Structure formats: C-alpha cells, structure tokens
C-alpha cells in the first residue's frame, strides 16, 4: 500500500515575500553591522536612513526581486532625494553606491542553505 505524501506549506508568493524581506533586512544589517559598520554608522544621516527605509518597503512590495529590479528601485527612490535642496548630490550618490554593492551579499544570505549530503557507503 502506497502512502501519498501531501506537502503542506507556503505558497510561492509567500516564499518570495519572505525572501524579499530577508534580503532587504540582510542588506540593512550588513550596512550597519558588517565589516565597515562603525564607519557606516557615523556616516549615516537621517535622510539616508529614511531613503533606505523606503527602498526596503519597495523591495518588500515587489513580486520578484532580480538585480535589475533591485537597481531600478534604488534609482527611483534616490532620484527623489537627489532633488532635495539641503541634501548634497554626492552624499546621495555615495549612499546609492553603498546599497547597490550589497546585491551579491543579499542573494547569498537569502539563498537556502544546502545540507551536506552523507556519502553512501558501498
């Protein structure tokens, strides 16, 4: 008699949403607590925290996050801050460059960990 395995779990949309959230939070954590964390914390200004928060919100709303989508979201949000009079355009460029360079780290952190397979003895 065969048993049917019925998998109960989350929908694809839920998994993608969780993955996006993990990626966004991973990026924020890496910026603040990574190897350059102390330097980054000193350099962060109020507007940049707000900008990064808006980027995280848009990433969470995105249905699928790919590198082009990631960069597009960052560019859209940063364009708004580049127009503000009391924010230096160079500071905006530095903040954007900092966030964009973490794409590979986020993908690596969000990827499911592979379990080591035990070698079968013959």
PDB file of N, CA and C in Angstrom:
ATOM      1  N   UNK A   1       0.842  -1.167   0.000  1.00  0.00           N
ATOM      2  CA  UNK A   1       0.000   0.000   0.000  1.00  0.00           C
ATOM      3  C   UNK A   1       0.895   1.241   0.000  1.00  0.00           C
ATOM      4  N   UNK A   2       0.690   2.124  -0.937  1.00  0.00           N
ATOM      5  CA  UNK A   2       1.488   3.328  -1.042  1.00  0.00           C
ATOM      6  C   UNK A   2       0.865   4.459  -0.243  1.00  0.00           C
ATOM      7  N   UNK A   3       1.709   5.199   0.399  1.00  0.00           N
ATOM      8  CA  UNK A   3       1.245   6.389   1.121  1.00  0.00           C
ATOM      9  C   UNK A   3       1.478   7.591   0.231  1.00  0.00           C
ATOM     10  N   UNK A   4       0.501   8.431   0.181  1.00  0.00           N
ATOM     11  CA  UNK A   4       0.644   9.660  -0.586  1.00  0.00           C
ATOM     12  C   UNK A   4       1.220  10.738   0.326  1.00  0.00           C
ATOM     13  N   UNK A   5       2.278  11.343  -0.145  1.00  0.00           N
ATOM     14  CA  UNK A   5       2.878  12.439   0.610  1.00  0.00           C
ATOM     15  C   UNK A   5       2.249  13.749   0.165  1.00  0.00           C
ATOM     16  N   UNK A   6       1.541  14.339   1.061  1.00  0.00           N
ATOM     17  CA  UNK A   6       0.927  15.629   0.773  1.00  0.00           C
ATOM     18  C   UNK A   6       1.745  16.674   1.508  1.00  0.00           C
ATOM     19  N   UNK A   7       2.314  17.559   0.733  1.00  0.00           N
ATOM     20  CA  UNK A   7       3.131  18.610   1.335  1.00  0.00           C
ATOM     21  C   UNK A   7       2.254  19.800   1.664  1.00  0.00           C
ATOM     22  N   UNK A   8       2.325  20.174   2.904  1.00  0.00           N
ATOM     23  CA  UNK A   8       1.627  21.378   3.336  1.00  0.00           C
ATOM     24  C   UNK A   8       2.679  22.445   3.536  1.00  0.00           C
ATOM     25  N   UNK A   9       2.411  23.601   3.034  1.00  0.00           N
ATOM     26  CA  UNK A   9       3.417  24.643   3.166  1.00  0.00           C
ATOM     27  C   UNK A   9       2.904  25.966   2.666  1.00  0.00           C
ATOM     28  N   UNK A  10       3.844  26.814   2.391  1.00  0.00           N
ATOM     29  CA  UNK A  10       3.517  28.161   1.960  1.00  0.00           C
ATOM     30  C   UNK A  10       3.408  28.220   0.442  1.00  0.00           C
ATOM     31  N   UNK A  11       2.646  29.169  -0.007  1.00  0.00           N
ATOM     32  CA  UNK A  11       2.525  29.390  -1.442  1.00  0.00           C
ATOM     33  C   UNK A  11       3.811  30.024  -1.967  1.00  0.00           C
ATOM     34  N   UNK A  12       3.977  29.993  -3.256  1.00  0.00           N
ATOM     35  CA  UNK A  12       5.152  30.582  -3.877  1.00  0.00           C
ATOM     36  C   UNK A  12       5.236  32.074  -3.566  1.00  0.00           C
ATOM     37  N   UNK A  13       4.110  32.732  -3.585  1.00  0.00           N
ATOM     38  CA  UNK A  13       4.083  34.169  -3.281  1.00  0.00           C
ATOM     39  C   UNK A  13       4.577  34.459  -1.875  1.00  0.00           C
ATOM     40  N   UNK A  14       4.192  33.632  -0.932  1.00  0.00           N
ATOM     41  CA  UNK A  14       4.622  33.825   0.449  1.00  0.00           C
ATOM     42  C   UNK A  14       6.127  33.618   0.575  1.00  0.00           C
ATOM     43  N   UNK A  15       6.635  32.611  -0.107  1.00  0.00           N
ATOM     44  CA  UNK A  15       8.068  32.335  -0.063  1.00  0.00           C
ATOM     45  C   UNK A  15       8.846  33.498  -0.673  1.00  0.00           C
ATOM     46  N   UNK A  16       8.366  34.015  -1.803  1.00  0.00           N
ATOM     47  CA  UNK A  16       9.023  35.146  -2.452  1.00  0.00           C
ATOM     48  C   UNK A  16       8.980  36.368  -1.544  1.00  0.00           C
ATOM     49  N   UNK A  17       7.853  36.601  -0.907  1.00  0.00           N
ATOM     50  CA  UNK A  17       7.727  37.734   0.005  1.00  0.00           C
ATOM     51  C   UNK A  17       8.670  37.632   1.177  1.00  0.00           C
ATOM     52  N   UNK A  18       8.772  36.452   1.733  1.00  0.00           N
ATOM     53  CA  UNK A  18       9.685  36.238   2.856  1.00  0.00           C
ATOM     54  C   UNK A  18      11.127  36.414   2.393  1.00  0.00           C
ATOM     55  N   UNK A  19      11.414  35.892   1.213  1.00  0.00           N
ATOM     56  CA  UNK A  19      12.768  36.038   0.663  1.00  0.00           C
ATOM     57  C   UNK A  19      13.135  37.495   0.452  1.00  0.00           C
ATOM     58  N   UNK A  20      12.186  38.273  -0.044  1.00  0.00           N
ATOM     59  CA  UNK A  20      12.432  39.701  -0.278  1.00  0.00           C
ATOM     60  C   UNK A  20      12.686  40.418   1.039  1.00  0.00           C
ATOM     61  N   UNK A  21      11.905  40.087   2.042  1.00  0.00           N
ATOM     62  CA  UNK A  21      12.072  40.713   3.350  1.00  0.00           C
ATOM     63  C   UNK A  21      13.427  40.360   3.954  1.00  0.00           C
ATOM     64  N   UNK A  22      13.791  39.089   3.855  1.00  0.00           N
ATOM     65  CA  UNK A  22      15.077  38.645   4.385  1.00  0.00           C
ATOM     66  C   UNK A  22      16.218  39.364   3.664  1.00  0.00           C
ATOM     67  N   UNK A  23      16.091  39.483   2.340  1.00  0.00           N
ATOM     68  CA  UNK A  23      17.132  40.157   1.561  1.00  0.00           C
ATOM     69  C   UNK A  23      17.261  41.622   1.964  1.00  0.00           C
ATOM     70  N   UNK A  24      16.133  42.292   2.111  1.00  0.00           N
ATOM     71  CA  UNK A  24      16.152  43.708   2.472  1.00  0.00           C
ATOM     72  C   UNK A  24      16.728  43.910   3.866  1.00  0.00           C
ATOM     73  N   UNK A  25      16.303  43.098   4.799  1.00  0.00           N
ATOM     74  CA  UNK A  25      16.817  43.221   6.157  1.00  0.00           C
ATOM     75  C   UNK A  25      18.288  42.834   6.223  1.00  0.00           C
ATOM     76  N   UNK A  26      18.663  41.864   5.409  1.00  0.00           N
ATOM     77  CA  UNK A  26      20.064  41.459   5.354  1.00  0.00           C
ATOM     78  C   UNK A  26      20.948  42.602   4.875  1.00  0.00           C
ATOM     79  N   UNK A  27      20.479  43.321   3.876  1.00  0.00           N
ATOM     80  CA  UNK A  27      21.244  44.453   3.349  1.00  0.00           C
ATOM     81  C   UNK A  27      21.405  45.531   4.417  1.00  0.00           C
ATOM     82  N   UNK A  28      20.312  45.839   5.093  1.00  0.00           N
ATOM     83  CA  UNK A  28      20.366  46.864   6.132  1.00  0.00           C
ATOM     84  C   UNK A  28      21.304  46.440   7.265  1.00  0.00           C
ATOM     85  N   UNK A  29      21.204  45.190   7.669  1.00  0.00           N
ATOM     86  CA  UNK A  29      22.064  44.688   8.746  1.00  0.00           C
ATOM     87  C   UNK A  29      23.530  44.690   8.328  1.00  0.00           C
ATOM     88  N   UNK A  30      23.793  44.291   7.099  1.00  0.00           N
ATOM     89  CA  UNK A  30      25.171  44.255   6.623  1.00  0.00           C
ATOM     90  C   UNK A  30      25.771  45.658   6.604  1.00  0.00           C
ATOM     91  N   UNK A  31      24.987  46.627   6.176  1.00  0.00           N
ATOM     92  CA  UNK A  31      25.480  48.006   6.122  1.00  0.00           C
ATOM     93  C   UNK A  31      25.817  48.513   7.523  1.00  0.00           C
ATOM     94  N   UNK A  32      24.968  48.196   8.486  1.00  0.00           N
ATOM     95  CA  UNK A  32      25.168  48.721   9.836  1.00  0.00           C
ATOM     96  C   UNK A  32      26.115  47.875  10.694  1.00  0.00           C
ATOM     97  N   UNK A  33      26.145  46.564  10.460  1.00  0.00           N
ATOM     98  CA  UNK A  33      26.906  45.689  11.349  1.00  0.00           C
ATOM     99  C   UNK A  33      28.021  44.912  10.646  1.00  0.00           C
ATOM    100  N   UNK A  34      28.199  45.135   9.359  1.00  0.00           N
ATOM    101  CA  UNK A  34      29.230  44.443   8.592  1.00  0.00           C
ATOM    102  C   UNK A  34      30.613  44.948   8.940  1.00  0.00           C
ATOM    103  N   UNK A  35      31.594  44.580   8.134  1.00  0.00           N
ATOM    104  CA  UNK A  35      32.981  44.943   8.426  1.00  0.00           C
ATOM    105  C   UNK A  35      33.215  46.456   8.518  1.00  0.00           C
ATOM    106  N   UNK A  36      32.471  47.227   7.771  1.00  0.00           N
ATOM    107  CA  UNK A  36      32.610  48.686   7.812  1.00  0.00           C
ATOM    108  C   UNK A  36      31.486  49.328   8.620  1.00  0.00           C
ATOM    109  N   UNK A  37      30.877  48.570   9.497  1.00  0.00           N
ATOM    110  CA  UNK A  37      29.706  49.037  10.237  1.00  0.00           C
ATOM    111  C   UNK A  37      29.923  50.300  11.035  1.00  0.00           C
ATOM    112  N   UNK A  38      31.029  50.375  11.771  1.00  0.00           N
ATOM    113  CA  UNK A  38      31.285  51.566  12.597  1.00  0.00           C
ATOM    114  C   UNK A  38      31.407  52.806  11.727  1.00  0.00           C
ATOM    115  N   UNK A  39      32.143  52.667  10.632  1.00  0.00           N
ATOM    116  CA  UNK A  39      32.320  53.798   9.726  1.00  0.00           C
ATOM    117  C   UNK A  39      30.975  54.188   9.109  1.00  0.00           C
ATOM    118  N   UNK A  40      30.177  53.190   8.721  1.00  0.00           N
ATOM    119  CA  UNK A  40      28.887  53.462   8.097  1.00  0.00           C
ATOM    120  C   UNK A  40      27.919  54.132   9.066  1.00  0.00           C
ATOM    121  N   UNK A  41      27.918  53.697  10.321  1.00  0.00           N
ATOM    122  CA  UNK A  41      27.019  54.291  11.306  1.00  0.00           C
ATOM    123  C   UNK A  41      27.324  55.768  11.504  1.00  0.00           C
ATOM    124  N   UNK A  42      28.608  56.115  11.496  1.00  0.00           N
ATOM    125  CA  UNK A  42      28.988  57.511  11.676  1.00  0.00           C
ATOM    126  C   UNK A  42      28.574  58.347  10.469  1.00  0.00           C
ATOM    127  N   UNK A  43      28.662  57.746   9.298  1.00  0.00           N
ATOM    128  CA  UNK A  43      28.390  58.485   8.069  1.00  0.00           C
ATOM    129  C   UNK A  43      26.896  58.605   7.758  1.00  0.00           C
ATOM    130  N   UNK A  44      26.095  57.739   8.348  1.00  0.00           N
ATOM    131  CA  UNK A  44      24.669  57.734   8.028  1.00  0.00           C
ATOM    132  C   UNK A  44      23.991  58.975   8.591  1.00  0.00           C
ATOM    133  N   UNK A  45      23.224  59.592   7.759  1.00  0.00           N
ATOM    134  CA  UNK A  45      22.461  60.773   8.162  1.00  0.00           C
ATOM    135  C   UNK A  45      20.985  60.411   8.149  1.00  0.00           C
ATOM    136  N   UNK A  46      20.175  61.232   8.761  1.00  0.00           N
ATOM    137  CA  UNK A  46      18.744  60.950   8.877  1.00  0.00           C
ATOM    138  C   UNK A  46      18.069  60.686   7.544  1.00  0.00           C
ATOM    139  N   UNK A  47      18.391  61.474   6.536  1.00  0.00           N
ATOM    140  CA  UNK A  47      17.735  61.303   5.238  1.00  0.00           C
ATOM    141  C   UNK A  47      18.123  59.971   4.596  1.00  0.00           C
ATOM    142  N   UNK A  48      19.369  59.537   4.842  1.00  0.00           N
ATOM    143  CA  UNK A  48      19.787  58.285   4.215  1.00  0.00           C
ATOM    144  C   UNK A  48      19.090  57.094   4.857  1.00  0.00           C
ATOM    145  N   UNK A  49      18.835  57.182   6.145  1.00  0.00           N
ATOM    146  CA  UNK A  49      18.085  56.115   6.818  1.00  0.00           C
ATOM    147  C   UNK A  49      16.666  56.063   6.265  1.00  0.00           C
ATOM    148  N   UNK A  50      16.068  57.225   6.085  1.00  0.00           N
ATOM    149  CA  UNK A  50      14.717  57.291   5.517  1.00  0.00           C
ATOM    150  C   UNK A  50      14.705  56.752   4.095  1.00  0.00           C
ATOM    151  N   UNK A  51      15.719  57.109   3.303  1.00  0.00           N
ATOM    152  CA  UNK A  51      15.801  56.627   1.923  1.00  0.00           C
ATOM    153  C   UNK A  51      15.936  55.102   1.891  1.00  0.00           C
ATOM    154  N   UNK A  52      16.798  54.568   2.742  1.00  0.00           N
ATOM    155  CA  UNK A  52      16.989  53.112   2.784  1.00  0.00           C
ATOM    156  C   UNK A  52      15.726  52.413   3.265  1.00  0.00           C
ATOM    157  N   UNK A  53      14.997  53.061   4.168  1.00  0.00           N
ATOM    158  CA  UNK A  53      13.718  52.502   4.616  1.00  0.00           C
ATOM    159  C   UNK A  53      12.712  52.434   3.480  1.00  0.00           C
ATOM    160  N   UNK A  54      12.676  53.472   2.661  1.00  0.00           N
ATOM    161  CA  UNK A  54      11.777  53.469   1.502  1.00  0.00           C
ATOM    162  C   UNK A  54      12.183  52.389   0.501  1.00  0.00           C
ATOM    163  N   UNK A  55      13.476  52.195   0.335  1.00  0.00           N
ATOM    164  CA  UNK A  55      13.957  51.146  -0.562  1.00  0.00           C
ATOM    165  C   UNK A  55      13.509  49.782  -0.040  1.00  0.00           C
ATOM    166  N   UNK A  56      13.637  49.561   1.249  1.00  0.00           N
ATOM    167  CA  UNK A  56      13.229  48.290   1.851  1.00  0.00           C
ATOM    168  C   UNK A  56      11.731  48.067   1.656  1.00  0.00           C
ATOM    169  N   UNK A  57      10.923  49.121   1.862  1.00  0.00           N
ATOM    170  CA  UNK A  57       9.476  48.999   1.665  1.00  0.00           C
ATOM    171  C   UNK A  57       9.142  48.596   0.236  1.00  0.00           C
ATOM    172  N   UNK A  58       9.798  49.230  -0.732  1.00  0.00           N
ATOM    173  CA  UNK A  58       9.530  48.906  -2.139  1.00  0.00           C
ATOM    174  C   UNK A  58       9.997  47.493  -2.474  1.00  0.00           C
ATOM    175  N   UNK A  59      11.097  47.053  -1.870  1.00  0.00           N
ATOM    176  CA  UNK A  59      11.570  45.694  -2.099  1.00  0.00           C
ATOM    177  C   UNK A  59      10.564  44.680  -1.544  1.00  0.00           C
ATOM    178  N   UNK A  60       9.995  44.997  -0.395  1.00  0.00           N
ATOM    179  CA  UNK A  60       9.003  44.107   0.198  1.00  0.00           C
ATOM    180  C   UNK A  60       7.741  44.030  -0.659  1.00  0.00           C
ATOM    181  N   UNK A  61       7.399  45.115  -1.352  1.00  0.00           N
ATOM    182  CA  UNK A  61       6.206  45.143  -2.195  1.00  0.00           C
ATOM    183  C   UNK A  61       6.431  44.486  -3.549  1.00  0.00           C
ATOM    184  N   UNK A  62       7.676  44.362  -3.956  1.00  0.00           N
ATOM    185  CA  UNK A  62       7.979  43.787  -5.272  1.00  0.00           C
ATOM    186  C   UNK A  62       7.605  42.307  -5.297  1.00  0.00           C
ATOM    187  N   UNK A  63       7.038  41.872  -6.413  1.00  0.00           N
ATOM    188  CA  UNK A  63       6.640  40.477  -6.542  1.00  0.00           C
ATOM    189  C   UNK A  63       7.853  39.581  -6.729  1.00  0.00           C
ATOM    190  N   UNK A  64       8.809  40.045  -7.493  1.00  0.00           N
ATOM    191  CA  UNK A  64      10.015  39.275  -7.740  1.00  0.00           C
ATOM    192  C   UNK A  64      11.193  40.242  -7.711  1.00  0.00           C
ATOM    193  N   UNK A  65      12.253  39.836  -7.043  1.00  0.00           N
ATOM    194  CA  UNK A  65      13.409  40.706  -6.945  1.00  0.00           C
ATOM    195  C   UNK A  65      14.559  40.083  -7.724  1.00  0.00           C
ATOM    196  N   UNK A  66      14.948  40.798  -8.762  1.00  0.00           N
ATOM    197  CA  UNK A  66      16.118  40.434  -9.539  1.00  0.00           C
ATOM    198  C   UNK A  66      17.083  41.604  -9.436  1.00  0.00           C
ATOM    199  N   UNK A  67      18.275  41.427  -9.926  1.00  0.00           N
ATOM    200  CA  UNK A  67      19.246  42.511  -9.832  1.00  0.00           C
ATOM    201  C   UNK A  67      18.780  43.767 -10.562  1.00  0.00           C
ATOM    202  N   UNK A  68      18.227  43.657 -11.792  1.00  0.00           N
ATOM    203  CA  UNK A  68      17.737  44.879 -12.453  1.00  0.00           C
ATOM    204  C   UNK A  68      16.598  45.553 -11.679  1.00  0.00           C
ATOM    205  N   UNK A  69      15.704  44.769 -11.105  1.00  0.00           N
ATOM    206  CA  UNK A  69      14.599  45.326 -10.316  1.00  0.00           C
ATOM    207  C   UNK A  69      15.159  46.015  -9.072  1.00  0.00           C
ATOM    208  N   UNK A  70      16.114  45.381  -8.436  1.00  0.00           N
ATOM    209  CA  UNK A  70      16.768  45.932  -7.242  1.00  0.00           C
ATOM    210  C   UNK A  70      17.375  47.297  -7.551  1.00  0.00           C
ATOM    211  N   UNK A  71      18.142  47.373  -8.638  1.00  0.00           N
ATOM    212  CA  UNK A  71      18.781  48.640  -9.017  1.00  0.00           C
ATOM    213  C   UNK A  71      17.755  49.693  -9.429  1.00  0.00           C
ATOM    214  N   UNK A  72      16.691  49.277 -10.097  1.00  0.00           N
ATOM    215  CA  UNK A  72      15.653  50.218 -10.524  1.00  0.00           C
ATOM    216  C   UNK A  72      14.962  50.852  -9.311  1.00  0.00           C
ATOM    217  N   UNK A  73      14.651  50.029  -8.316  1.00  0.00           N
ATOM    218  CA  UNK A  73      14.002  50.540  -7.100  1.00  0.00           C
ATOM    219  C   UNK A  73      14.922  51.551  -6.411  1.00  0.00           C
ATOM    220  N   UNK A  74      16.186  51.216  -6.300  1.00  0.00           N
ATOM    221  CA  UNK A  74      17.141  52.118  -5.657  1.00  0.00           C
ATOM    222  C   UNK A  74      17.238  53.435  -6.427  1.00  0.00           C
ATOM    223  N   UNK A  75      17.295  53.347  -7.757  1.00  0.00           N
ATOM    224  CA  UNK A  75      17.389  54.563  -8.577  1.00  0.00           C
ATOM    225  C   UNK A  75      16.145  55.431  -8.447  1.00  0.00           C
ATOM    226  N   UNK A  76      14.964  54.806  -8.408  1.00  0.00           N
ATOM    227  CA  UNK A  76      13.719  55.575  -8.282  1.00  0.00           C
ATOM    228  C   UNK A  76      13.672  56.332  -6.958  1.00  0.00           C
ATOM    229  N   UNK A  77      14.005  55.643  -5.883  1.00  0.00           N
ATOM    230  CA  UNK A  77      13.946  56.279  -4.563  1.00  0.00           C
ATOM    231  C   UNK A  77      15.028  57.356  -4.437  1.00  0.00           C
ATOM    232  N   UNK A  78      16.221  57.061  -4.925  1.00  0.00           N
ATOM    233  CA  UNK A  78      17.313  58.030  -4.786  1.00  0.00           C
ATOM    234  C   UNK A  78      17.083  59.287  -5.628  1.00  0.00           C
ATOM    235  N   UNK A  79      16.374  59.165  -6.737  1.00  0.00           N
ATOM    236  CA  UNK A  79      16.080  60.331  -7.572  1.00  0.00           C
ATOM    237  C   UNK A  79      15.281  61.368  -6.783  1.00  0.00           C
ATOM    238  N   UNK A  80      14.390  60.891  -5.947  1.00  0.00           N
ATOM    239  CA  UNK A  80      13.582  61.779  -5.112  1.00  0.00           C
ATOM    240  C   UNK A  80      14.473  62.559  -4.137  1.00  0.00           C
ATOM    241  N   UNK A  81      15.445  61.879  -3.550  1.00  0.00           N
ATOM    242  CA  UNK A  81      16.325  62.526  -2.574  1.00  0.00           C
ATOM    243  C   UNK A  81      17.364  63.431  -3.235  1.00  0.00           C
ATOM    244  N   UNK A  82      17.721  63.147  -4.471  1.00  0.00           N
ATOM    245  CA  UNK A  82      18.687  63.974  -5.185  1.00  0.00           C
ATOM    246  C   UNK A  82      18.121  65.362  -5.482  1.00  0.00           C
ATOM    247  N   UNK A  83      16.802  65.479  -5.514  1.00  0.00           N
ATOM    248  CA  UNK A  83      16.149  66.755  -5.818  1.00  0.00           C
ATOM    249  C   UNK A  83      16.007  67.662  -4.598  1.00  0.00           C
ATOM    250  N   UNK A  84      16.194  67.126  -3.408  1.00  0.00           N
ATOM    251  CA  UNK A  84      16.041  67.913  -2.184  1.00  0.00           C
ATOM    252  C   UNK A  84      17.211  68.887  -2.064  1.00  0.00           C
ATOM    253  N   UNK A  85      16.906  70.136  -1.765  1.00  0.00           N
ATOM    254  CA  UNK A  85      17.917  71.199  -1.760  1.00  0.00           C
ATOM    255  C   UNK A  85      19.007  71.007  -0.706  1.00  0.00           C
ATOM    256  N   UNK A  86      18.635  70.616   0.503  1.00  0.00           N
ATOM    257  CA  UNK A  86      19.626  70.559   1.574  1.00  0.00           C
ATOM    258  C   UNK A  86      20.391  69.232   1.647  1.00  0.00           C
ATOM    259  N   UNK A  87      20.223  68.386   0.643  1.00  0.00           N
ATOM    260  CA  UNK A  87      20.966  67.127   0.588  1.00  0.00           C
ATOM    261  C   UNK A  87      21.962  67.217  -0.558  1.00  0.00           C
ATOM    262  N   UNK A  88      23.219  66.988  -0.248  1.00  0.00           N
ATOM    263  CA  UNK A  88      24.281  67.051  -1.256  1.00  0.00           C
ATOM    264  C   UNK A  88      24.149  65.858  -2.211  1.00  0.00           C
ATOM    265  N   UNK A  89      24.201  66.131  -3.502  1.00  0.00           N
ATOM    266  CA  UNK A  89      24.063  65.089  -4.524  1.00  0.00           C
ATOM    267  C   UNK A  89      25.156  64.030  -4.388  1.00  0.00           C
ATOM    268  N   UNK A  90      26.338  64.441  -3.961  1.00  0.00           N
ATOM    269  CA  UNK A  90      27.432  63.478  -3.780  1.00  0.00           C
ATOM    270  C   UNK A  90      27.121  62.505  -2.642  1.00  0.00           C
ATOM    271  N   UNK A  91      26.485  63.016  -1.593  1.00  0.00           N
ATOM    272  CA  UNK A  91      26.100  62.143  -0.484  1.00  0.00           C
ATOM    273  C   UNK A  91      25.067  61.111  -0.940  1.00  0.00           C
ATOM    274  N   UNK A  92      24.139  61.547  -1.784  1.00  0.00           N
ATOM    275  CA  UNK A  92      23.134  60.628  -2.317  1.00  0.00           C
ATOM    276  C   UNK A  92      23.818  59.557  -3.166  1.00  0.00           C
ATOM    277  N   UNK A  93      24.760  59.973  -4.003  1.00  0.00           N
ATOM    278  CA  UNK A  93      25.483  59.016  -4.844  1.00  0.00           C
ATOM    279  C   UNK A  93      26.246  57.995  -3.998  1.00  0.00           C
ATOM    280  N   UNK A  94      26.860  58.451  -2.920  1.00  0.00           N
ATOM    281  CA  UNK A  94      27.597  57.539  -2.039  1.00  0.00           C
ATOM    282  C   UNK A  94      26.661  56.539  -1.369  1.00  0.00           C
ATOM    283  N   UNK A  95      25.511  57.021  -0.913  1.00  0.00           N
ATOM    284  CA  UNK A  95      24.537  56.136  -0.264  1.00  0.00           C
ATOM    285  C   UNK A  95      24.009  55.108  -1.258  1.00  0.00           C
ATOM    286  N   UNK A  96      23.733  55.537  -2.481  1.00  0.00           N
ATOM    287  CA  UNK A  96      23.235  54.634  -3.523  1.00  0.00           C
ATOM    288  C   UNK A  96      24.286  53.586  -3.854  1.00  0.00           C
ATOM    289  N   UNK A  97      25.521  54.018  -4.009  1.00  0.00           N
ATOM    290  CA  UNK A  97      26.606  53.076  -4.320  1.00  0.00           C
ATOM    291  C   UNK A  97      26.757  52.043  -3.208  1.00  0.00           C
ATOM    292  N   UNK A  98      26.624  52.487  -1.971  1.00  0.00           N
ATOM    293  CA  UNK A  98      26.746  51.582  -0.825  1.00  0.00           C
ATOM    294  C   UNK A  98      25.652  50.521  -0.846  1.00  0.00           C
ATOM    295  N   UNK A  99      24.430  50.928  -1.115  1.00  0.00           N
ATOM    296  CA  UNK A  99      23.311  49.986  -1.125  1.00  0.00           C
ATOM    297  C   UNK A  99      23.414  49.042  -2.324  1.00  0.00           C
ATOM    298  N   UNK A 100      23.772  49.569  -3.474  1.00  0.00           N
ATOM    299  CA  UNK A 100      23.838  48.744  -4.687  1.00  0.00           C
ATOM    300  C   UNK A 100      24.910  47.665  -4.608  1.00  0.00           C
ATOM    301  N   UNK A 101      25.995  47.951  -3.923  1.00  0.00           N
ATOM    302  CA  UNK A 101      27.084  46.980  -3.899  1.00  0.00           C
ATOM    303  C   UNK A 101      26.766  45.756  -3.031  1.00  0.00           C
ATOM    304  N   UNK A 102      25.669  45.778  -2.314  1.00  0.00           N
ATOM    305  CA  UNK A 102      25.318  44.661  -1.437  1.00  0.00           C
ATOM    306  C   UNK A 102      24.398  43.631  -2.092  1.00  0.00           C
ATOM    307  N   UNK A 103      24.163  43.732  -3.387  1.00  0.00           N
ATOM    308  CA  UNK A 103      23.273  42.791  -4.070  1.00  0.00           C
ATOM    309  C   UNK A 103      23.757  41.356  -3.906  1.00  0.00           C
ATOM    310  N   UNK A 104      25.014  41.093  -4.184  1.00  0.00           N
ATOM    311  CA  UNK A 104      25.540  39.726  -4.122  1.00  0.00           C
ATOM    312  C   UNK A 104      25.492  39.179  -2.703  1.00  0.00           C
ATOM    313  N   UNK A 105      25.777  40.017  -1.738  1.00  0.00           N
ATOM    314  CA  UNK A 105      25.723  39.584  -0.343  1.00  0.00           C
ATOM    315  C   UNK A 105      24.309  39.207   0.048  1.00  0.00           C
ATOM    316  N   UNK A 106      23.339  40.003  -0.389  1.00  0.00           N
ATOM    317  CA  UNK A 106      21.943  39.723  -0.059  1.00  0.00           C
ATOM    318  C   UNK A 106      21.490  38.421  -0.699  1.00  0.00           C
ATOM    319  N   UNK A 107      21.859  38.211  -1.947  1.00  0.00           N
ATOM    320  CA  UNK A 107      21.466  36.983  -2.633  1.00  0.00           C
ATOM    321  C   UNK A 107      22.067  35.781  -1.921  1.00  0.00           C
ATOM    322  N   UNK A 108      23.320  35.902  -1.532  1.00  0.00           N
ATOM    323  CA  UNK A 108      24.000  34.816  -0.832  1.00  0.00           C
ATOM    324  C   UNK A 108      23.326  34.537   0.512  1.00  0.00           C
ATOM    325  N   UNK A 109      22.984  35.595   1.254  1.00  0.00           N
ATOM    326  CA  UNK A 109      22.345  35.434   2.566  1.00  0.00           C
ATOM    327  C   UNK A 109      20.929  34.907   2.461  1.00  0.00           C
ATOM    328  N   UNK A 110      20.224  35.247   1.390  1.00  0.00           N
ATOM    329  CA  UNK A 110      18.825  34.832   1.241  1.00  0.00           C
ATOM    330  C   UNK A 110      18.689  33.442   0.655  1.00  0.00           C
ATOM    331  N   UNK A 111      19.740  32.939   0.024  1.00  0.00           N
ATOM    332  CA  UNK A 111      19.667  31.617  -0.602  1.00  0.00           C
ATOM    333  C   UNK A 111      19.537  30.552   0.475  1.00  0.00           C
ATOM    334  N   UNK A 112      18.714  29.533   0.206  1.00  0.00           N
ATOM    335  CA  UNK A 112      18.580  28.460   1.186  1.00  0.00           C
ATOM    336  C   UNK A 112      19.905  27.727   1.335  1.00  0.00           C
ATOM    337  N   UNK A 113      20.226  27.390   2.541  1.00  0.00           N
ATOM    338  CA  UNK A 113      21.476  26.699   2.824  1.00  0.00           C
ATOM    339  C   UNK A 113      21.366  25.247   2.365  1.00  0.00           C
ATOM    340  N   UNK A 114      22.388  24.775   1.690  1.00  0.00           N
ATOM    341  CA  UNK A 114      22.403  23.391   1.236  1.00  0.00           C
ATOM    342  C   UNK A 114      22.893  22.522   2.381  1.00  0.00           C
ATOM    343  N   UNK A 115      22.198  21.424   2.587  1.00  0.00           N
ATOM    344  CA  UNK A 115      22.606  20.485   3.632  1.00  0.00           C
ATOM    345  C   UNK A 115      23.663  19.568   3.054  1.00  0.00           C
ATOM    346  N   UNK A 116      24.638  19.285   3.869  1.00  0.00           N
ATOM    347  CA  UNK A 116      25.675  18.367   3.425  1.00  0.00           C
ATOM    348  C   UNK A 116      25.076  16.978   3.306  1.00  0.00           C
ATOM    349  N   UNK A 117      25.306  16.360   2.172  1.00  0.00           N
ATOM    350  CA  UNK A 117      24.769  15.024   1.951  1.00  0.00           C
ATOM    351  C   UNK A 117      25.765  14.003   2.469  1.00  0.00           C
ATOM    352  N   UNK A 118      25.260  13.056   3.197  1.00  0.00           N
ATOM    353  CA  UNK A 118      26.110  11.983   3.697  1.00  0.00           C
ATOM    354  C   UNK A 118      26.448  11.051   2.545  1.00  0.00           C
ATOM    355  N   UNK A 119      27.699  10.689   2.472  1.00  0.00           N
ATOM    356  CA  UNK A 119      28.112   9.803   1.384  1.00  0.00           C
ATOM    357  C   UNK A 119      27.679   8.381   1.727  1.00  0.00           C
ATOM    358  N   UNK A 120      27.074   7.765   0.758  1.00  0.00           N
ATOM    359  CA  UNK A 120      26.604   6.394   0.948  1.00  0.00           C
ATOM    360  C   UNK A 120      27.786   5.441   0.807  1.00  0.00           C
ATOM    361  N   UNK A 121      27.909   4.545   1.753  1.00  0.00           N
ATOM    362  CA  UNK A 121      28.994   3.564   1.706  1.00  0.00           C
ATOM    363  C   UNK A 121      28.539   2.392   0.854  1.00  0.00           C
ATOM    364  N   UNK A 122      29.444   1.923   0.041  1.00  0.00           N
ATOM    365  CA  UNK A 122      29.109   0.782  -0.823  1.00  0.00           C
ATOM    366  C   UNK A 122      29.660  -0.480  -0.276  1.00  0.00           C
TER     367      UNK A 122
END
